[in-house]
Amino acid sequence: ELLTVEDLQCQRRLVETYALVTEALLACPKGEDVVCYYDDDDTEKCHGSAKAAKGPKGAEIPGETNGTVLVPAKERINFAESHYEMAREGLDELLYRMGRMAAAKTNIGNEKE
């Protein structure tokens, strides 16, 4: 399997995304759904463009009723745990790949940082 620095960058970004999703879910208020509110003017693109999500402070957009539940409150912790596990496994794989590339004397640039 031939690996490139671009492969490492993509995998690192994916791991970072899983970690950010986990952090955001854990910051949401207990007992509340995670909801994404969208703009009615753009209904052709998957329910319109996102305006805001009910997140860490639980703030809603005043008068806003058009929202999509992204994660139900009762599933929030399990969903966060699964994303944390994906981030951890992805990081393990990333470190393994970096080690293989270093052993093959491949220059990985500043990805090792």
N, C-alpha and C. Protein backbone atom coordinates (compact mmCIF):
# COMPACT_ATOMS: atom_id res chain seq x y z
N GLU A 1 0.85 -1.18 0.00
CA GLU A 1 0.00 0.00 0.00
C GLU A 1 0.90 1.24 0.00
N LEU A 2 0.79 2.04 -1.03
CA LEU A 2 1.57 3.26 -1.16
C LEU A 2 0.81 4.42 -0.51
N LEU A 3 1.43 5.02 0.48
CA LEU A 3 0.79 6.13 1.20
C LEU A 3 1.48 7.43 0.85
N THR A 4 0.70 8.51 0.82
CA THR A 4 1.25 9.82 0.53
C THR A 4 0.98 10.76 1.70
N VAL A 5 1.64 11.89 1.68
CA VAL A 5 1.40 12.91 2.71
C VAL A 5 -0.04 13.39 2.63
N GLU A 6 -0.58 13.45 1.41
CA GLU A 6 -1.98 13.86 1.25
C GLU A 6 -2.92 12.88 1.93
N ASP A 7 -2.59 11.58 1.89
CA ASP A 7 -3.39 10.57 2.60
C ASP A 7 -3.40 10.86 4.10
N LEU A 8 -2.21 11.18 4.63
CA LEU A 8 -2.11 11.50 6.06
C LEU A 8 -2.93 12.73 6.40
N GLN A 9 -2.85 13.75 5.55
CA GLN A 9 -3.60 14.98 5.81
C GLN A 9 -5.10 14.72 5.83
N CYS A 10 -5.57 13.95 4.87
CA CYS A 10 -7.01 13.64 4.82
C CYS A 10 -7.44 12.86 6.05
N GLN A 11 -6.64 11.88 6.44
CA GLN A 11 -7.00 11.08 7.61
C GLN A 11 -6.96 11.94 8.87
N ARG A 12 -5.97 12.83 8.97
CA ARG A 12 -5.89 13.71 10.13
C ARG A 12 -7.12 14.61 10.21
N ARG A 13 -7.55 15.14 9.08
CA ARG A 13 -8.74 16.02 9.07
C ARG A 13 -9.98 15.25 9.49
N LEU A 14 -10.07 14.00 9.06
CA LEU A 14 -11.21 13.17 9.45
C LEU A 14 -11.21 12.93 10.96
N VAL A 15 -10.04 12.60 11.51
CA VAL A 15 -9.92 12.38 12.95
C VAL A 15 -10.30 13.66 13.71
N GLU A 16 -9.82 14.80 13.23
CA GLU A 16 -10.15 16.08 13.88
C GLU A 16 -11.65 16.34 13.82
N THR A 17 -12.29 15.99 12.71
CA THR A 17 -13.73 16.19 12.58
C THR A 17 -14.49 15.34 13.59
N TYR A 18 -14.10 14.07 13.72
CA TYR A 18 -14.74 13.20 14.71
C TYR A 18 -14.58 13.78 16.11
N ALA A 19 -13.40 14.30 16.43
CA ALA A 19 -13.16 14.87 17.76
C ALA A 19 -14.00 16.12 17.98
N LEU A 20 -14.13 16.96 16.95
CA LEU A 20 -14.94 18.18 17.08
C LEU A 20 -16.42 17.86 17.24
N VAL A 21 -16.90 16.86 16.51
CA VAL A 21 -18.31 16.45 16.66
C VAL A 21 -18.54 15.95 18.08
N THR A 22 -17.61 15.14 18.58
CA THR A 22 -17.72 14.64 19.95
C THR A 22 -17.78 15.79 20.96
N GLU A 23 -16.86 16.73 20.81
CA GLU A 23 -16.81 17.88 21.73
C GLU A 23 -18.10 18.68 21.68
N ALA A 24 -18.61 18.93 20.48
CA ALA A 24 -19.85 19.71 20.34
C ALA A 24 -21.03 18.98 20.96
N LEU A 25 -21.14 17.69 20.74
CA LEU A 25 -22.25 16.93 21.30
C LEU A 25 -22.21 16.91 22.83
N LEU A 26 -21.02 16.78 23.38
CA LEU A 26 -20.90 16.76 24.84
C LEU A 26 -21.16 18.13 25.46
N ALA A 27 -21.00 19.17 24.68
CA ALA A 27 -21.25 20.53 25.19
C ALA A 27 -22.73 20.91 25.14
N CYS A 28 -23.54 20.13 24.45
CA CYS A 28 -24.97 20.42 24.35
C CYS A 28 -25.67 20.16 25.68
N PRO A 29 -26.76 20.88 25.94
CA PRO A 29 -27.48 20.70 27.21
C PRO A 29 -28.06 19.30 27.34
N LYS A 30 -28.00 18.77 28.55
CA LYS A 30 -28.57 17.45 28.82
C LYS A 30 -30.08 17.50 28.61
N GLY A 31 -30.61 16.41 28.07
CA GLY A 31 -32.05 16.28 27.93
C GLY A 31 -32.65 17.04 26.77
N GLU A 32 -31.83 17.65 25.92
CA GLU A 32 -32.36 18.39 24.77
C GLU A 32 -31.83 17.81 23.47
N ASP A 33 -32.70 17.80 22.46
CA ASP A 33 -32.30 17.35 21.13
C ASP A 33 -31.28 18.33 20.54
N VAL A 34 -30.42 17.81 19.68
CA VAL A 34 -29.53 18.67 18.90
C VAL A 34 -30.28 18.97 17.61
N VAL A 35 -30.58 20.25 17.38
CA VAL A 35 -31.45 20.65 16.27
C VAL A 35 -30.72 21.62 15.37
N CYS A 36 -30.91 21.45 14.05
CA CYS A 36 -30.36 22.38 13.07
C CYS A 36 -31.53 23.14 12.45
N TYR A 37 -31.47 24.46 12.51
CA TYR A 37 -32.50 25.29 11.91
C TYR A 37 -32.07 25.69 10.52
N TYR A 38 -33.01 25.76 9.60
CA TYR A 38 -32.68 26.06 8.21
C TYR A 38 -33.54 27.18 7.66
N ASP A 39 -33.09 27.69 6.54
CA ASP A 39 -33.71 28.82 5.87
C ASP A 39 -34.77 28.31 4.89
N ASP A 40 -36.01 28.78 5.01
CA ASP A 40 -37.10 28.35 4.12
C ASP A 40 -36.88 28.75 2.67
N ASP A 41 -36.09 29.77 2.42
CA ASP A 41 -35.91 30.28 1.06
C ASP A 41 -35.14 29.35 0.16
N ASP A 42 -34.47 28.37 0.70
CA ASP A 42 -33.60 27.50 -0.09
C ASP A 42 -33.97 26.04 0.17
N THR A 43 -35.15 25.64 -0.24
CA THR A 43 -35.63 24.30 0.07
C THR A 43 -35.13 23.23 -0.88
N GLU A 44 -34.45 23.61 -1.96
CA GLU A 44 -33.96 22.62 -2.91
C GLU A 44 -32.76 21.86 -2.38
N LYS A 45 -31.99 22.44 -1.51
CA LYS A 45 -30.77 21.83 -1.02
C LYS A 45 -30.99 21.23 0.36
N CYS A 46 -31.50 20.05 0.43
CA CYS A 46 -31.62 19.33 1.70
C CYS A 46 -32.21 20.20 2.80
N HIS A 47 -33.40 20.64 2.63
CA HIS A 47 -34.14 21.45 3.59
C HIS A 47 -33.58 22.86 3.75
N GLY A 48 -32.91 23.38 2.77
CA GLY A 48 -32.39 24.75 2.85
C GLY A 48 -31.02 24.82 3.49
N SER A 49 -30.51 26.01 3.60
CA SER A 49 -29.18 26.18 4.18
C SER A 49 -29.31 26.34 5.69
N ALA A 50 -28.34 25.79 6.38
CA ALA A 50 -28.37 25.85 7.85
C ALA A 50 -28.16 27.27 8.32
N LYS A 51 -28.99 27.71 9.25
CA LYS A 51 -28.87 29.04 9.84
C LYS A 51 -28.16 28.96 11.18
N ALA A 52 -28.50 27.95 11.95
CA ALA A 52 -27.92 27.79 13.28
C ALA A 52 -28.28 26.41 13.79
N ALA A 53 -27.55 25.98 14.77
CA ALA A 53 -27.86 24.72 15.43
C ALA A 53 -27.99 24.99 16.92
N LYS A 54 -28.92 24.30 17.53
CA LYS A 54 -29.06 24.42 18.98
C LYS A 54 -27.88 23.68 19.55
N GLY A 55 -27.03 24.38 20.24
CA GLY A 55 -25.79 23.76 20.63
C GLY A 55 -25.45 23.97 22.08
N PRO A 56 -24.18 24.29 22.34
CA PRO A 56 -23.68 24.33 23.70
C PRO A 56 -24.48 25.19 24.67
N LYS A 57 -25.00 26.30 24.24
CA LYS A 57 -25.76 27.15 25.15
C LYS A 57 -27.26 26.90 25.05
N GLY A 58 -27.66 26.03 24.13
CA GLY A 58 -29.06 25.71 23.99
C GLY A 58 -29.90 26.83 23.43
N ALA A 59 -29.26 27.82 22.84
CA ALA A 59 -29.99 28.98 22.32
C ALA A 59 -30.71 28.65 21.03
N GLU A 60 -31.93 29.07 20.95
CA GLU A 60 -32.70 28.89 19.73
C GLU A 60 -32.84 30.24 19.04
N ILE A 61 -33.15 30.18 17.77
CA ILE A 61 -33.40 31.41 17.03
C ILE A 61 -34.83 31.84 17.36
N PRO A 62 -35.03 33.08 17.83
CA PRO A 62 -36.38 33.52 18.19
C PRO A 62 -37.36 33.37 17.04
N GLY A 63 -38.50 32.77 17.32
CA GLY A 63 -39.56 32.61 16.32
C GLY A 63 -39.27 31.53 15.30
N GLU A 64 -38.20 30.80 15.43
CA GLU A 64 -37.82 29.79 14.44
C GLU A 64 -38.52 28.47 14.75
N THR A 65 -39.18 27.92 13.76
CA THR A 65 -39.86 26.64 13.95
C THR A 65 -39.38 25.59 12.98
N ASN A 66 -38.67 25.98 11.93
CA ASN A 66 -38.20 25.02 10.93
C ASN A 66 -36.85 24.46 11.33
N GLY A 67 -36.88 23.31 11.93
CA GLY A 67 -35.64 22.69 12.36
C GLY A 67 -35.66 21.20 12.12
N THR A 68 -34.48 20.64 12.02
CA THR A 68 -34.33 19.21 11.84
C THR A 68 -33.55 18.67 13.03
N VAL A 69 -34.10 17.65 13.67
CA VAL A 69 -33.40 17.03 14.80
C VAL A 69 -32.24 16.22 14.22
N LEU A 70 -31.03 16.61 14.60
CA LEU A 70 -29.84 15.89 14.14
C LEU A 70 -29.57 14.68 15.03
N VAL A 71 -29.71 14.88 16.33
CA VAL A 71 -29.48 13.80 17.29
C VAL A 71 -30.51 13.96 18.42
N PRO A 72 -31.36 12.94 18.61
CA PRO A 72 -32.31 13.00 19.72
C PRO A 72 -31.57 13.01 21.06
N ALA A 73 -32.15 13.67 22.04
CA ALA A 73 -31.52 13.82 23.35
C ALA A 73 -31.10 12.48 23.95
N LYS A 74 -31.95 11.46 23.82
CA LYS A 74 -31.64 10.17 24.45
C LYS A 74 -30.49 9.44 23.76
N GLU A 75 -30.12 9.85 22.54
CA GLU A 75 -29.04 9.20 21.81
C GLU A 75 -27.76 10.02 21.79
N ARG A 76 -27.79 11.22 22.36
CA ARG A 76 -26.67 12.15 22.25
C ARG A 76 -25.37 11.58 22.81
N ILE A 77 -25.39 10.99 23.99
CA ILE A 77 -24.17 10.46 24.61
C ILE A 77 -23.63 9.28 23.81
N ASN A 78 -24.50 8.37 23.40
CA ASN A 78 -24.04 7.22 22.61
C ASN A 78 -23.45 7.67 21.28
N PHE A 79 -24.07 8.66 20.67
CA PHE A 79 -23.58 9.20 19.40
C PHE A 79 -22.20 9.84 19.61
N ALA A 80 -22.05 10.60 20.69
CA ALA A 80 -20.76 11.22 21.01
C ALA A 80 -19.70 10.16 21.28
N GLU A 81 -20.07 9.12 22.03
CA GLU A 81 -19.11 8.04 22.31
C GLU A 81 -18.66 7.33 21.04
N SER A 82 -19.58 7.13 20.11
CA SER A 82 -19.20 6.45 18.86
C SER A 82 -18.25 7.32 18.04
N HIS A 83 -18.47 8.63 18.03
CA HIS A 83 -17.56 9.52 17.31
C HIS A 83 -16.21 9.62 18.02
N TYR A 84 -16.20 9.58 19.33
CA TYR A 84 -14.95 9.57 20.08
C TYR A 84 -14.16 8.31 19.74
N GLU A 85 -14.84 7.18 19.71
CA GLU A 85 -14.17 5.91 19.39
C GLU A 85 -13.61 5.94 17.96
N MET A 86 -14.35 6.51 17.02
CA MET A 86 -13.85 6.62 15.64
C MET A 86 -12.62 7.52 15.59
N ALA A 87 -12.62 8.60 16.38
CA ALA A 87 -11.46 9.50 16.42
C ALA A 87 -10.26 8.77 17.00
N ARG A 88 -10.47 8.04 18.07
CA ARG A 88 -9.36 7.32 18.71
C ARG A 88 -8.78 6.26 17.78
N GLU A 89 -9.65 5.48 17.14
CA GLU A 89 -9.18 4.45 16.21
C GLU A 89 -8.49 5.09 15.00
N GLY A 90 -9.03 6.19 14.53
CA GLY A 90 -8.42 6.89 13.40
C GLY A 90 -7.04 7.42 13.75
N LEU A 91 -6.89 7.94 14.98
CA LEU A 91 -5.60 8.44 15.41
C LEU A 91 -4.59 7.30 15.52
N ASP A 92 -5.02 6.17 16.06
CA ASP A 92 -4.14 5.00 16.13
C ASP A 92 -3.65 4.59 14.74
N GLU A 93 -4.57 4.54 13.80
CA GLU A 93 -4.24 4.17 12.42
C GLU A 93 -3.31 5.21 11.80
N LEU A 94 -3.57 6.47 12.05
CA LEU A 94 -2.74 7.55 11.52
C LEU A 94 -1.31 7.43 12.03
N LEU A 95 -1.14 7.18 13.32
CA LEU A 95 0.20 7.03 13.89
C LEU A 95 0.90 5.81 13.31
N TYR A 96 0.18 4.74 13.11
CA TYR A 96 0.75 3.53 12.50
C TYR A 96 1.23 3.84 11.08
N ARG A 97 0.40 4.55 10.31
CA ARG A 97 0.79 4.90 8.94
C ARG A 97 2.00 5.82 8.92
N MET A 98 2.02 6.78 9.84
CA MET A 98 3.17 7.69 9.90
C MET A 98 4.44 6.91 10.21
N GLY A 99 4.35 5.95 11.10
CA GLY A 99 5.50 5.11 11.44
C GLY A 99 5.99 4.32 10.24
N ARG A 100 5.05 3.76 9.49
CA ARG A 100 5.43 3.00 8.29
C ARG A 100 6.10 3.90 7.26
N MET A 101 5.57 5.12 7.10
CA MET A 101 6.15 6.04 6.14
C MET A 101 7.54 6.49 6.60
N ALA A 102 7.71 6.73 7.89
CA ALA A 102 9.01 7.14 8.42
C ALA A 102 10.02 6.01 8.24
N ALA A 103 9.59 4.76 8.46
CA ALA A 103 10.47 3.62 8.27
C ALA A 103 10.89 3.47 6.81
N ALA A 104 10.02 3.90 5.89
CA ALA A 104 10.33 3.83 4.46
C ALA A 104 11.07 5.09 4.01
N LYS A 105 11.46 5.94 4.98
CA LYS A 105 12.20 7.17 4.70
C LYS A 105 11.40 8.15 3.83
N THR A 106 10.09 8.15 3.98
CA THR A 106 9.23 9.09 3.26
C THR A 106 9.17 10.39 4.05
N ASN A 107 9.37 11.51 3.39
CA ASN A 107 9.29 12.81 4.05
C ASN A 107 7.81 13.14 4.29
N ILE A 108 7.44 13.24 5.55
CA ILE A 108 6.04 13.55 5.85
C ILE A 108 5.86 15.01 6.23
N GLY A 109 6.87 15.79 6.06
CA GLY A 109 6.77 17.24 6.28
C GLY A 109 6.33 17.57 7.69
N ASN A 110 5.44 18.54 7.81
CA ASN A 110 4.99 18.97 9.14
C ASN A 110 3.75 18.23 9.61
N GLU A 111 3.38 17.14 8.96
CA GLU A 111 2.26 16.33 9.42
C GLU A 111 2.57 15.65 10.74
N LYS A 112 3.85 15.47 11.03
CA LYS A 112 4.21 14.83 12.30
C LYS A 112 3.95 15.73 13.50
N GLU A 113 3.73 17.00 13.25
CA GLU A 113 3.44 17.93 14.33
C GLU A 113 2.01 17.77 14.71
